[in-house]
Amino acid sequence: MPYFTSFDKTPIYYESYAGKLPYTIIVLHGWAVGRVENYVPFREYMGDFNLVFWDARNHGKTGASEEATISDLACDLRHFLTKVYRGKHPVIVAGHSMGALTLFEYVSQYGTDKISKMVFIDQSPKLLTDAEWKLGMFGNWPAEKNEELIRALSADIIKGLIYLACFFLNKELLAPPPAPSRFSVDNMPVITPAAARGLINLWKSFTARDFRPFIKKIDIPALLLYGGRSQFYLRQTGEWMKDNIANSRLVMLPKGDHNPFIAHPDEFFQSVREFIME
């Protein structure tokens, strides 16, 4: 199986697919979800591009890394771009949810070096809300609620995820759909106790971060894809991002949820394709 050895000798499982177009897209997945089964639409709709996916620490075949933080995930990306990637094509990095947070962390450490364009999918630069910031999770996610969630996840991670879903916006999207349109507990991979502890540590690390000071440092083209019916974020979150990234384009998918590439792939991938090739 293909692995790359990252900066701290951790083996990271990855998959790469060759396409005929002269661009490479790296897809960074969300927190506590499977890489392969949930990101298949990228291969179906963007198969003529060179594609790279990997399992972040504590996910899938990469295995447990109990002390991992969002900084480690950004360092994994940096290591891949500087030590592993040998292609000559421009690199576009698409980050979904935690993957977008990984990109924010990358920018905070390395700027936009080695990346030609960025795609951010349904994410806020600061997850916790307070008196002056209302565009984090659910528009209402103070530190106290986050601590309650961490306690629930620590007791039983699956039950903790179900508890998290109680706060979702657009709760009607929790009803079983006629076809797979979003991530759910049912299609999550099995989580080992060590990986569960690692996932919780990741959660603690990125919910503690405020990436707003770094957003204006994004000096390359950025595509912002947000679901108009996101379970996690208010529409104004995408608008804030657009206002704070100079060379950015906001695409609000009116019926899209937190995972618009699954629910509305045609519109989603048309936007990505146009953005990359223009």
Protein backbone atom coordinates (compact mmCIF):
# COMPACT_ATOMS: atom_id res chain seq x y z
CA MET A 1 0.00 0.00 0.00
CA PRO A 2 1.29 3.54 -0.73
CA TYR A 3 2.48 5.55 2.23
CA PHE A 4 4.68 8.59 2.52
CA THR A 5 6.83 9.05 5.60
CA SER A 6 6.08 12.46 7.03
CA PHE A 7 8.27 14.98 8.88
CA ASP A 8 8.17 13.04 12.19
CA LYS A 9 8.48 9.59 10.57
CA THR A 10 4.72 8.92 10.75
CA PRO A 11 3.55 6.85 7.76
CA ILE A 12 0.65 8.58 5.97
CA TYR A 13 -1.53 6.46 3.71
CA TYR A 14 -2.28 8.14 0.38
CA GLU A 15 -3.68 7.43 -3.05
CA SER A 16 -2.86 9.21 -6.30
CA TYR A 17 -4.59 9.06 -9.67
CA ALA A 18 -3.16 10.29 -12.95
CA GLY A 19 -5.20 12.46 -15.29
CA LYS A 20 -4.56 14.01 -18.68
CA LEU A 21 -4.88 17.66 -17.59
CA PRO A 22 -1.76 19.52 -16.34
CA TYR A 23 -3.00 20.22 -12.82
CA THR A 24 -2.67 18.36 -9.52
CA ILE A 25 -5.46 18.57 -6.94
CA ILE A 26 -4.78 17.53 -3.34
CA VAL A 27 -8.00 16.83 -1.42
CA LEU A 28 -7.91 17.18 2.37
CA HIS A 29 -10.85 15.49 4.09
CA GLY A 30 -13.01 16.35 7.09
CA TRP A 31 -12.81 15.28 10.71
CA ALA A 32 -13.87 11.72 11.68
CA VAL A 33 -14.99 10.73 8.20
CA GLY A 34 -13.69 8.16 5.76
CA ARG A 35 -11.57 9.42 2.90
CA VAL A 36 -12.38 6.88 0.22
CA GLU A 37 -16.11 6.29 0.50
CA ASN A 38 -17.09 9.92 1.00
CA TYR A 39 -14.82 11.59 -1.55
CA VAL A 40 -15.55 9.32 -4.51
CA PRO A 41 -17.29 12.20 -6.38
CA PHE A 42 -13.91 13.90 -6.81
CA ARG A 43 -12.72 10.94 -8.83
CA GLU A 44 -15.97 10.67 -10.75
CA TYR A 45 -16.17 14.33 -11.72
CA MET A 46 -12.50 15.36 -11.75
CA GLY A 47 -10.87 12.20 -13.04
CA ASP A 48 -9.14 14.03 -15.89
CA PHE A 49 -7.04 15.91 -13.31
CA ASN A 50 -4.16 14.45 -11.32
CA LEU A 51 -5.66 13.70 -7.90
CA VAL A 52 -4.07 13.02 -4.51
CA PHE A 53 -5.92 11.94 -1.36
CA TRP A 54 -4.61 10.84 1.99
CA ASP A 55 -5.90 9.68 5.33
CA ALA A 56 -5.12 12.29 7.96
CA ARG A 57 -3.69 11.11 11.28
CA ASN A 58 -6.25 9.12 13.28
CA HIS A 59 -8.23 8.40 10.13
CA GLY A 60 -8.46 5.34 7.92
CA LYS A 61 -5.30 3.46 7.05
CA THR A 62 -2.95 6.07 8.48
CA GLY A 63 -3.82 4.88 11.97
CA ALA A 64 -3.71 6.43 15.40
CA SER A 65 -1.57 9.37 16.41
CA GLU A 66 -2.95 10.30 19.80
CA GLU A 67 -1.03 13.54 20.29
CA ALA A 68 -1.67 14.89 16.79
CA THR A 69 -2.82 18.48 16.37
CA ILE A 70 -4.00 20.57 13.45
CA SER A 71 -0.41 21.85 13.23
CA ASP A 72 0.78 18.31 12.53
CA LEU A 73 -1.73 17.99 9.68
CA ALA A 74 -0.43 21.21 8.15
CA CYS A 75 3.13 19.93 8.53
CA ASP A 76 2.12 16.72 6.73
CA LEU A 77 0.88 18.83 3.82
CA ARG A 78 4.09 20.85 3.85
CA HIS A 79 6.20 17.70 3.89
CA PHE A 80 4.29 16.23 0.96
CA LEU A 81 4.65 19.42 -1.10
CA THR A 82 8.38 19.85 -0.40
CA LYS A 83 9.69 16.30 -0.01
CA VAL A 84 7.29 13.90 -1.72
CA TYR A 85 5.59 15.61 -4.66
CA ARG A 86 7.72 15.45 -7.79
CA GLY A 87 5.17 16.62 -10.34
CA LYS A 88 5.67 19.71 -12.46
CA HIS A 89 2.02 20.71 -12.58
CA PRO A 90 0.50 23.54 -10.53
CA VAL A 91 -0.88 22.28 -7.22
CA ILE A 92 -4.40 23.16 -6.10
CA VAL A 93 -5.33 22.17 -2.55
CA ALA A 94 -9.01 21.62 -1.72
CA GLY A 95 -9.83 21.48 1.98
CA HIS A 96 -13.19 20.34 3.26
CA SER A 97 -14.17 21.07 6.88
CA MET A 98 -11.10 19.96 8.90
CA GLY A 99 -9.22 19.99 5.59
CA ALA A 100 -9.97 23.71 5.29
CA LEU A 101 -8.70 24.20 8.84
CA THR A 102 -5.53 22.37 7.78
CA LEU A 103 -5.15 24.91 4.98
CA PHE A 104 -5.69 27.80 7.39
CA GLU A 105 -2.98 26.35 9.65
CA TYR A 106 -0.69 25.91 6.65
CA VAL A 107 -1.12 29.58 5.75
CA SER A 108 -0.36 30.59 9.35
CA GLN A 109 2.98 28.73 9.17
CA TYR A 110 4.05 28.81 5.54
CA GLY A 111 1.90 31.34 3.74
CA THR A 112 0.78 30.07 0.33
CA ASP A 113 4.17 28.66 -0.69
CA LYS A 114 4.05 25.71 -3.14
CA ILE A 115 0.29 26.13 -3.76
CA SER A 116 -1.15 27.83 -6.84
CA LYS A 117 -4.81 27.97 -5.80
CA MET A 118 -6.90 27.02 -2.77
CA VAL A 119 -10.44 25.70 -2.44
CA PHE A 120 -12.21 26.06 0.91
CA ILE A 121 -15.35 24.00 1.47
CA ASP A 122 -17.85 25.07 4.16
CA GLN A 123 -15.65 26.16 7.03
CA SER A 124 -15.21 29.03 9.47
CA PRO A 125 -11.81 30.50 10.44
CA LYS A 126 -12.88 30.40 14.10
CA LEU A 127 -15.18 27.66 15.36
CA LEU A 128 -15.89 29.00 18.83
CA THR A 129 -18.28 31.93 19.15
CA ASP A 130 -18.18 34.74 21.67
CA ALA A 131 -19.53 38.24 22.19
CA GLU A 132 -17.84 39.62 19.09
CA TRP A 133 -17.79 36.57 16.78
CA LYS A 134 -21.03 34.87 15.76
CA LEU A 135 -19.89 33.09 12.60
CA GLY A 136 -18.45 29.98 14.20
CA MET A 137 -20.20 26.62 14.52
CA PHE A 138 -24.00 26.83 14.42
CA GLY A 139 -23.74 30.60 14.95
CA ASN A 140 -23.68 29.75 18.66
CA TRP A 141 -20.84 27.58 19.91
CA PRO A 142 -19.23 29.11 23.00
CA ALA A 143 -16.33 27.48 24.82
CA GLU A 144 -18.69 26.00 27.42
CA LYS A 145 -20.62 24.01 24.82
CA ASN A 146 -17.40 22.84 23.28
CA GLU A 147 -16.18 21.53 26.64
CA GLU A 148 -19.47 19.64 27.05
CA LEU A 149 -18.96 18.04 23.64
CA ILE A 150 -15.38 17.06 24.45
CA ARG A 151 -16.58 15.34 27.62
CA ALA A 152 -19.24 13.47 25.62
CA LEU A 153 -16.73 12.42 22.96
CA SER A 154 -14.31 11.25 25.63
CA ALA A 155 -16.96 9.07 27.25
CA ASP A 156 -18.10 7.47 23.98
CA ILE A 157 -17.06 8.97 20.66
CA ILE A 158 -20.04 7.64 18.67
CA LYS A 159 -22.53 8.89 21.22
CA GLY A 160 -20.59 12.14 21.28
CA LEU A 161 -21.03 12.52 17.53
CA ILE A 162 -24.75 11.91 17.92
CA TYR A 163 -24.79 14.59 20.63
CA LEU A 164 -23.04 16.98 18.23
CA ALA A 165 -25.77 16.39 15.66
CA CYS A 166 -28.34 17.71 18.15
CA PHE A 167 -27.00 21.20 17.48
CA PHE A 168 -27.16 20.98 13.69
CA LEU A 169 -28.75 23.73 11.67
CA ASN A 170 -31.29 22.57 9.06
CA LYS A 171 -32.17 19.48 11.10
CA GLU A 172 -34.53 18.23 8.41
CA LEU A 173 -31.39 17.09 6.57
CA LEU A 174 -30.92 14.44 9.25
CA ALA A 175 -33.84 12.45 7.81
CA PRO A 176 -32.72 9.44 5.73
CA PRO A 177 -32.27 10.65 2.13
CA PRO A 178 -33.24 8.66 -0.95
CA ALA A 179 -29.57 8.60 -1.94
CA PRO A 180 -26.32 9.33 -0.05
CA SER A 181 -26.14 13.11 0.26
CA ARG A 182 -24.17 13.73 3.42
CA PHE A 183 -21.90 12.09 5.96
CA SER A 184 -23.49 10.17 8.80
CA VAL A 185 -22.47 8.03 11.74
CA ASP A 186 -23.65 5.00 9.77
CA ASN A 187 -20.99 5.34 7.06
CA MET A 188 -18.09 6.22 9.32
CA PRO A 189 -15.18 3.78 9.54
CA VAL A 190 -14.60 1.82 12.73
CA ILE A 191 -12.75 3.99 15.23
CA THR A 192 -10.22 2.32 17.52
CA PRO A 193 -9.84 3.61 21.09
CA ALA A 194 -6.43 5.09 20.26
CA ALA A 195 -7.77 6.80 17.13
CA ALA A 196 -10.73 8.12 19.15
CA ARG A 197 -8.35 9.75 21.61
CA GLY A 198 -6.42 11.18 18.68
CA LEU A 199 -9.58 12.54 17.06
CA ILE A 200 -10.52 14.28 20.29
CA ASN A 201 -7.06 15.81 20.54
CA LEU A 202 -7.38 17.09 16.98
CA TRP A 203 -10.78 18.57 17.85
CA LYS A 204 -9.33 20.32 20.90
CA SER A 205 -6.48 21.73 18.83
CA PHE A 206 -8.50 23.24 16.02
CA THR A 207 -11.37 24.53 18.13
CA ALA A 208 -8.78 26.42 20.17
CA ARG A 209 -7.50 28.24 17.09
CA ASP A 210 -8.53 31.60 15.68
CA PHE A 211 -7.33 31.79 12.08
CA ARG A 212 -8.92 35.14 11.27
CA PRO A 213 -5.61 37.06 11.48
CA PHE A 214 -4.16 34.83 8.74
CA ILE A 215 -7.03 34.89 6.26
CA LYS A 216 -5.91 38.16 4.67
CA LYS A 217 -2.49 36.59 4.05
CA ILE A 218 -4.01 34.32 1.39
CA ASP A 219 -2.50 35.97 -1.69
CA ILE A 220 -3.43 33.41 -4.33
CA PRO A 221 -6.81 32.73 -5.99
CA ALA A 222 -9.27 31.11 -3.61
CA LEU A 223 -12.60 29.46 -4.30
CA LEU A 224 -15.09 29.46 -1.42
CA LEU A 225 -17.80 26.81 -1.66
CA TYR A 226 -20.53 26.97 0.98
CA GLY A 227 -23.80 25.16 1.45
CA GLY A 228 -26.84 27.38 1.77
CA ARG A 229 -28.31 24.74 4.09
CA SER A 230 -25.13 23.81 5.91
CA GLN A 231 -25.62 21.94 9.17
CA PHE A 232 -22.68 23.83 10.68
CA TYR A 233 -22.38 27.38 9.37
CA LEU A 234 -24.45 30.46 8.67
CA ARG A 235 -24.51 31.87 5.15
CA GLN A 236 -22.70 34.96 6.44
CA THR A 237 -19.60 32.85 7.16
CA GLY A 238 -18.88 32.46 3.46
CA GLU A 239 -19.55 36.15 2.93
CA TRP A 240 -17.04 37.05 5.67
CA MET A 241 -14.43 34.87 3.97
CA LYS A 242 -15.10 36.55 0.62
CA ASP A 243 -14.72 39.99 2.17
CA ASN A 244 -11.38 39.07 3.75
CA ILE A 245 -9.60 37.21 0.93
CA ALA A 246 -8.61 39.63 -1.80
CA ASN A 247 -8.65 37.29 -4.79
CA SER A 248 -11.56 35.06 -3.88
CA ARG A 249 -14.81 33.88 -5.39
CA LEU A 250 -17.76 32.78 -3.28
CA VAL A 251 -20.13 30.15 -4.61
CA MET A 252 -23.13 29.64 -2.35
CA LEU A 253 -24.93 26.42 -3.25
CA PRO A 254 -28.50 27.23 -2.12
CA LYS A 255 -29.54 23.64 -1.46
CA GLY A 256 -26.11 22.37 -0.48
CA ASP A 257 -25.32 21.13 3.02
CA HIS A 258 -21.95 20.83 4.77
CA ASN A 259 -20.91 18.34 2.06
CA PRO A 260 -22.11 19.97 -1.17
CA PHE A 261 -19.92 17.81 -3.40
CA ILE A 262 -22.12 14.84 -2.45
CA ALA A 263 -25.56 16.48 -2.46
CA HIS A 264 -25.05 18.73 -5.50
CA PRO A 265 -22.02 17.44 -7.40
CA ASP A 266 -22.82 18.90 -10.83
CA GLU A 267 -22.85 22.52 -9.70
CA PHE A 268 -20.06 21.98 -7.20
CA PHE A 269 -17.58 20.42 -9.60
CA GLN A 270 -18.44 22.74 -12.46
CA SER A 271 -17.43 25.62 -10.17
CA VAL A 272 -14.17 23.87 -9.19
CA ARG A 273 -13.31 23.02 -12.80
CA GLU A 274 -13.90 26.56 -14.04
CA PHE A 275 -11.89 28.02 -11.16
CA ILE A 276 -8.87 25.79 -11.81
CA MET A 277 -8.75 26.22 -15.57
CA GLU A 278 -9.38 29.93 -15.89
